[in-house]
Amino acid sequence: MAGKKTVVLGASPNPVRFSYKAVKILLRLEHEVVAVGFKKGEILDQEILVGQPPIEGVHTVSIYIGSSRQEEYYDYILSLKPKRVIFNPGTVNPDFMGRLNHAGIEPVSACMLVMLNEGEF
């Protein structure tokens, strides 16, 4: 597969959710995608993993969970050693963004769907 290996954190099997749409577009654009959510399911043929599965070679983590639920994922996201973490609308977390910066990981406050549609991903 081509593209940047991307973890979609907060992936949902519900087609109206933005996380679902993000996984669908990433797959269509042939990015390697790992969907991680709160409950098992599928997005197209992509299995949604639950918990904090070990994942190698991550380029981007795209967050679709609110800041109030993010703290339990801080160490997990840092352990994935991504090059960047995208905070989608409604997920911006200045505290965690500062920690990412300190660890040499670029925090990006943007809508991944817009980035993908505009070729800025």
C-alpha atoms as a PDB file:
ATOM      1  CA  MET A   1       0.000   0.000   0.000  1.00  0.00           C
ATOM      2  CA  ALA A   2       1.100   3.532  -0.689  1.00  0.00           C
ATOM      3  CA  GLY A   3       0.752   6.585   1.495  1.00  0.00           C
ATOM      4  CA  LYS A   4       1.253   7.360   5.140  1.00  0.00           C
ATOM      5  CA  LYS A   5       0.359   4.743   7.746  1.00  0.00           C
ATOM      6  CA  THR A   6      -2.391   6.411   9.743  1.00  0.00           C
ATOM      7  CA  VAL A   7      -4.086   5.442  12.987  1.00  0.00           C
ATOM      8  CA  VAL A   8      -7.645   6.761  13.246  1.00  0.00           C
ATOM      9  CA  LEU A   9      -8.257   6.934  16.999  1.00  0.00           C
ATOM     10  CA  GLY A  10     -11.932   6.963  17.898  1.00  0.00           C
ATOM     11  CA  ALA A  11     -12.995   5.047  14.776  1.00  0.00           C
ATOM     12  CA  SER A  12     -16.691   4.232  14.658  1.00  0.00           C
ATOM     13  CA  PRO A  13     -18.659   1.707  12.580  1.00  0.00           C
ATOM     14  CA  ASN A  14     -21.415   4.350  12.264  1.00  0.00           C
ATOM     15  CA  PRO A  15     -21.349   5.732   8.671  1.00  0.00           C
ATOM     16  CA  VAL A  16     -22.481   9.212   9.764  1.00  0.00           C
ATOM     17  CA  ARG A  17     -19.427   9.696  12.030  1.00  0.00           C
ATOM     18  CA  PHE A  18     -16.468  11.680  10.712  1.00  0.00           C
ATOM     19  CA  SER A  19     -14.056   8.972  11.885  1.00  0.00           C
ATOM     20  CA  TYR A  20     -15.877   6.471   9.635  1.00  0.00           C
ATOM     21  CA  LYS A  21     -15.638   8.852   6.674  1.00  0.00           C
ATOM     22  CA  ALA A  22     -11.931   9.434   7.372  1.00  0.00           C
ATOM     23  CA  VAL A  23     -11.119   5.701   7.311  1.00  0.00           C
ATOM     24  CA  LYS A  24     -13.149   5.291   4.113  1.00  0.00           C
ATOM     25  CA  ILE A  25     -11.295   8.124   2.334  1.00  0.00           C
ATOM     26  CA  LEU A  26      -7.881   6.922   3.559  1.00  0.00           C
ATOM     27  CA  LEU A  27      -8.613   3.456   2.174  1.00  0.00           C
ATOM     28  CA  ARG A  28      -9.828   4.908  -1.124  1.00  0.00           C
ATOM     29  CA  LEU A  29      -6.605   6.929  -1.427  1.00  0.00           C
ATOM     30  CA  GLU A  30      -4.620   3.748  -0.655  1.00  0.00           C
ATOM     31  CA  HIS A  31      -3.134   4.874   2.639  1.00  0.00           C
ATOM     32  CA  GLU A  32      -2.419   2.136   5.140  1.00  0.00           C
ATOM     33  CA  VAL A  33      -4.959   2.728   7.905  1.00  0.00           C
ATOM     34  CA  VAL A  34      -5.477   1.223  11.343  1.00  0.00           C
ATOM     35  CA  ALA A  35      -8.880   1.945  12.857  1.00  0.00           C
ATOM     36  CA  VAL A  36      -8.890   1.997  16.672  1.00  0.00           C
ATOM     37  CA  GLY A  37     -12.175   2.558  18.472  1.00  0.00           C
ATOM     38  CA  PHE A  38     -14.198   1.873  21.580  1.00  0.00           C
ATOM     39  CA  LYS A  39     -16.193  -1.025  20.160  1.00  0.00           C
ATOM     40  CA  LYS A  40     -15.554  -3.712  17.581  1.00  0.00           C
ATOM     41  CA  GLY A  41     -16.940  -3.330  14.104  1.00  0.00           C
ATOM     42  CA  GLU A  42     -15.878  -2.723  10.533  1.00  0.00           C
ATOM     43  CA  ILE A  43     -15.506   0.164   8.141  1.00  0.00           C
ATOM     44  CA  LEU A  44     -15.811  -1.321   4.681  1.00  0.00           C
ATOM     45  CA  ASP A  45     -13.577  -4.396   5.130  1.00  0.00           C
ATOM     46  CA  GLN A  46     -11.316  -2.714   7.698  1.00  0.00           C
ATOM     47  CA  GLU A  47     -11.622  -4.183  11.200  1.00  0.00           C
ATOM     48  CA  ILE A  48     -11.920  -1.695  14.079  1.00  0.00           C
ATOM     49  CA  LEU A  49      -9.468  -2.651  16.811  1.00  0.00           C
ATOM     50  CA  VAL A  50     -10.262  -1.890  20.446  1.00  0.00           C
ATOM     51  CA  GLY A  51      -7.989  -0.984  23.336  1.00  0.00           C
ATOM     52  CA  GLN A  52      -4.435   0.150  22.679  1.00  0.00           C
ATOM     53  CA  PRO A  53      -3.011  -2.308  20.145  1.00  0.00           C
ATOM     54  CA  PRO A  54       0.712  -2.194  19.344  1.00  0.00           C
ATOM     55  CA  ILE A  55       1.246  -0.707  15.877  1.00  0.00           C
ATOM     56  CA  GLU A  56       4.572  -0.290  14.088  1.00  0.00           C
ATOM     57  CA  GLY A  57       5.636   2.336  11.564  1.00  0.00           C
ATOM     58  CA  VAL A  58       2.968   4.943  12.285  1.00  0.00           C
ATOM     59  CA  HIS A  59       3.265   8.231  10.403  1.00  0.00           C
ATOM     60  CA  THR A  60       0.069   9.975  11.570  1.00  0.00           C
ATOM     61  CA  VAL A  61      -2.429   9.601  14.394  1.00  0.00           C
ATOM     62  CA  SER A  62      -5.752  11.306  13.688  1.00  0.00           C
ATOM     63  CA  ILE A  63      -7.793  11.895  16.842  1.00  0.00           C
ATOM     64  CA  TYR A  64     -11.578  11.672  16.863  1.00  0.00           C
ATOM     65  CA  ILE A  65     -12.122  11.558  20.630  1.00  0.00           C
ATOM     66  CA  GLY A  66     -12.835  14.578  22.810  1.00  0.00           C
ATOM     67  CA  SER A  67     -10.123  16.058  25.012  1.00  0.00           C
ATOM     68  CA  SER A  68     -11.855  14.769  28.166  1.00  0.00           C
ATOM     69  CA  ARG A  69     -11.241  11.153  27.037  1.00  0.00           C
ATOM     70  CA  GLN A  70      -7.764  11.648  25.594  1.00  0.00           C
ATOM     71  CA  GLU A  71      -5.647  11.478  28.742  1.00  0.00           C
ATOM     72  CA  GLU A  72      -5.811   7.671  28.950  1.00  0.00           C
ATOM     73  CA  TYR A  73      -4.274   7.602  25.443  1.00  0.00           C
ATOM     74  CA  TYR A  74      -1.373  10.044  25.995  1.00  0.00           C
ATOM     75  CA  ASP A  75       1.259   7.373  26.698  1.00  0.00           C
ATOM     76  CA  TYR A  76      -0.160   5.090  24.021  1.00  0.00           C
ATOM     77  CA  ILE A  77       0.021   7.762  21.317  1.00  0.00           C
ATOM     78  CA  LEU A  78       3.527   8.758  22.392  1.00  0.00           C
ATOM     79  CA  SER A  79       4.580   5.077  22.258  1.00  0.00           C
ATOM     80  CA  LEU A  80       3.476   4.861  18.614  1.00  0.00           C
ATOM     81  CA  LYS A  81       6.116   7.512  17.799  1.00  0.00           C
ATOM     82  CA  PRO A  82       4.134   9.172  14.998  1.00  0.00           C
ATOM     83  CA  LYS A  83       5.562  12.076  13.024  1.00  0.00           C
ATOM     84  CA  ARG A  84       2.362  14.053  13.638  1.00  0.00           C
ATOM     85  CA  VAL A  85      -0.946  13.956  15.492  1.00  0.00           C
ATOM     86  CA  ILE A  86      -3.980  15.568  13.876  1.00  0.00           C
ATOM     87  CA  PHE A  87      -6.506  17.081  16.273  1.00  0.00           C
ATOM     88  CA  ASN A  88      -9.773  17.211  14.350  1.00  0.00           C
ATOM     89  CA  PRO A  89     -12.424  19.846  15.189  1.00  0.00           C
ATOM     90  CA  GLY A  90     -13.719  19.323  18.722  1.00  0.00           C
ATOM     91  CA  THR A  91     -10.620  17.405  19.851  1.00  0.00           C
ATOM     92  CA  VAL A  92      -8.049  20.198  20.312  1.00  0.00           C
ATOM     93  CA  ASN A  93      -6.118  19.702  23.546  1.00  0.00           C
ATOM     94  CA  PRO A  94      -3.434  22.345  24.308  1.00  0.00           C
ATOM     95  CA  ASP A  95      -1.969  20.304  27.206  1.00  0.00           C
ATOM     96  CA  PHE A  96      -1.412  17.209  25.086  1.00  0.00           C
ATOM     97  CA  MET A  97      -0.268  19.288  22.109  1.00  0.00           C
ATOM     98  CA  GLY A  98       2.462  20.732  24.319  1.00  0.00           C
ATOM     99  CA  ARG A  99       3.558  17.251  25.414  1.00  0.00           C
ATOM    100  CA  LEU A 100       3.697  16.119  21.794  1.00  0.00           C
ATOM    101  CA  ASN A 101       5.806  19.134  20.818  1.00  0.00           C
ATOM    102  CA  HIS A 102       8.165  18.391  23.706  1.00  0.00           C
ATOM    103  CA  ALA A 103       8.516  14.797  22.397  1.00  0.00           C
ATOM    104  CA  GLY A 104       9.327  16.039  18.871  1.00  0.00           C
ATOM    105  CA  ILE A 105       5.930  15.077  17.435  1.00  0.00           C
ATOM    106  CA  GLU A 106       4.084  17.689  15.382  1.00  0.00           C
ATOM    107  CA  PRO A 107       0.591  18.514  16.672  1.00  0.00           C
ATOM    108  CA  VAL A 108      -1.742  19.691  13.904  1.00  0.00           C
ATOM    109  CA  SER A 109      -5.075  21.374  14.566  1.00  0.00           C
ATOM    110  CA  ALA A 110      -7.013  20.677  11.380  1.00  0.00           C
ATOM    111  CA  CYS A 111      -9.772  18.638   9.821  1.00  0.00           C
ATOM    112  CA  MET A 112      -8.233  15.531   8.284  1.00  0.00           C
ATOM    113  CA  LEU A 113     -11.139  15.218   5.827  1.00  0.00           C
ATOM    114  CA  VAL A 114     -10.399  18.707   4.497  1.00  0.00           C
ATOM    115  CA  MET A 115      -6.663  17.937   4.372  1.00  0.00           C
ATOM    116  CA  LEU A 116      -7.337  14.785   2.337  1.00  0.00           C
ATOM    117  CA  ASN A 117      -9.795  16.501  -0.009  1.00  0.00           C
ATOM    118  CA  GLU A 118      -7.393  19.386  -0.653  1.00  0.00           C
ATOM    119  CA  GLY A 119      -4.335  17.176  -1.122  1.00  0.00           C
ATOM    120  CA  GLU A 120      -2.649  18.568   2.003  1.00  0.00           C
ATOM    121  CA  PHE A 121      -2.395  15.290   3.873  1.00  0.00           C
END
